[in-house]
Amino acid sequence: MKQRLQLCKHLTAVQCFKDIIHEEGLRGLYRSYPLTVSMNIPFASCVVCCNENLKTVVRPWERQYSYLWYFLCAGIAGGLAGLITNPLDVVKTRL
């Protein structure tokens, strides 16, 4: 539904839900589920690997304001993972 609402900005969530059920049935709500799962696995893997490797290099526990360095490592890891999985997200949105 989120992707449909992004494409059809004039619909409300309730109208979008009713349209999907009417046009495609209950199965229409789960059409992009396999792609979503297959996209979240590489995203999560990339976030964890990048975050742990960045923390090994940066060593935030040895720095002043260590929590800020932890957030920086996590932000960079999330951004990189989003960049890598963006093509799959575009495909999911187009479905």
Protein backbone atom coordinates (compact mmCIF):
# COMPACT_ATOMS: atom_id res chain seq x y z
CA MET A 1 0.00 0.00 0.00
CA LYS A 2 2.84 2.38 0.77
CA GLN A 3 4.14 2.22 -2.78
CA ARG A 4 0.65 2.73 -4.23
CA LEU A 5 0.10 5.75 -2.03
CA GLN A 6 3.43 7.16 -3.22
CA LEU A 7 2.31 6.83 -6.83
CA CYS A 8 -1.33 7.92 -6.34
CA LYS A 9 -1.12 10.87 -4.01
CA HIS A 10 -4.83 11.66 -4.26
CA LEU A 11 -5.88 8.41 -2.52
CA THR A 12 -6.31 7.92 1.19
CA ALA A 13 -5.09 4.73 2.87
CA VAL A 14 -8.64 3.38 3.20
CA GLN A 15 -9.43 4.10 -0.46
CA CYS A 16 -6.17 2.46 -1.52
CA PHE A 17 -6.92 -0.63 0.57
CA LYS A 18 -10.43 -0.92 -0.90
CA ASP A 19 -9.11 -0.47 -4.45
CA ILE A 20 -6.51 -3.21 -4.03
CA ILE A 21 -9.03 -5.64 -2.54
CA HIS A 22 -11.60 -4.85 -5.25
CA GLU A 23 -9.22 -5.03 -8.23
CA GLU A 24 -6.77 -7.76 -7.20
CA GLY A 25 -8.23 -9.47 -4.15
CA LEU A 26 -6.40 -10.21 -0.94
CA ARG A 27 -3.42 -11.54 -2.91
CA GLY A 28 -2.76 -8.02 -4.22
CA LEU A 29 -1.73 -6.91 -0.74
CA TYR A 30 1.12 -9.43 -0.72
CA ARG A 31 2.38 -9.12 -4.29
CA SER A 32 5.68 -7.50 -3.38
CA TYR A 33 6.25 -9.50 -0.17
CA PRO A 34 8.86 -11.94 -1.62
CA LEU A 35 10.81 -9.05 -3.12
CA THR A 36 10.63 -7.14 0.17
CA VAL A 37 12.07 -10.09 2.07
CA SER A 38 14.76 -10.64 -0.55
CA MET A 39 15.67 -6.95 -0.32
CA ASN A 40 15.76 -6.80 3.49
CA ILE A 41 18.21 -9.70 3.80
CA PRO A 42 21.04 -8.00 1.85
CA PHE A 43 20.21 -4.64 3.47
CA ALA A 44 20.49 -6.02 6.99
CA SER A 45 23.61 -8.00 6.13
CA CYS A 46 25.29 -4.95 4.66
CA VAL A 47 24.35 -2.75 7.63
CA VAL A 48 25.74 -5.22 10.15
CA CYS A 49 28.97 -5.91 8.22
CA CYS A 50 29.69 -2.26 7.45
CA ASN A 51 28.83 -1.09 10.96
CA GLU A 52 31.04 -3.65 12.65
CA ASN A 53 33.96 -3.01 10.29
CA LEU A 54 33.65 0.75 10.72
CA LYS A 55 33.62 0.38 14.50
CA THR A 56 36.78 -1.75 14.26
CA VAL A 57 38.52 0.99 12.25
CA VAL A 58 37.17 4.03 14.13
CA ARG A 59 37.30 2.50 17.64
CA PRO A 60 34.62 4.69 19.17
CA TRP A 61 35.13 3.20 22.64
CA GLU A 62 38.56 4.90 22.75
CA ARG A 63 37.28 8.36 21.78
CA GLN A 64 35.70 11.21 23.64
CA TYR A 65 31.90 11.36 23.03
CA SER A 66 31.95 7.72 21.97
CA TYR A 67 28.18 7.59 21.45
CA LEU A 68 28.48 10.13 18.62
CA TRP A 69 31.03 7.91 16.89
CA TYR A 70 28.71 4.92 17.26
CA PHE A 71 25.92 6.93 15.59
CA LEU A 72 28.27 8.04 12.83
CA CYS A 73 29.32 4.46 12.07
CA ALA A 74 25.70 3.31 12.05
CA GLY A 75 24.65 6.20 9.79
CA ILE A 76 27.38 5.51 7.26
CA ALA A 77 26.55 1.79 7.29
CA GLY A 78 22.83 2.48 6.78
CA GLY A 79 23.52 4.90 3.95
CA LEU A 80 25.80 2.44 2.18
CA ALA A 81 23.27 -0.37 2.58
CA GLY A 82 20.53 1.86 1.19
CA LEU A 83 22.70 2.73 -1.78
CA ILE A 84 23.37 -0.94 -2.51
CA THR A 85 19.73 -2.08 -2.19
CA ASN A 86 18.17 0.93 -3.93
CA PRO A 87 17.71 -0.86 -7.29
CA LEU A 88 15.65 -3.58 -5.56
CA ASP A 89 13.56 -0.90 -3.85
CA VAL A 90 12.80 0.70 -7.21
CA VAL A 91 11.68 -2.66 -8.61
CA LYS A 92 9.46 -3.21 -5.57
CA THR A 93 7.88 0.22 -6.00
CA ARG A 94 7.20 -0.46 -9.69
CA LEU A 95 5.39 -3.72 -8.90
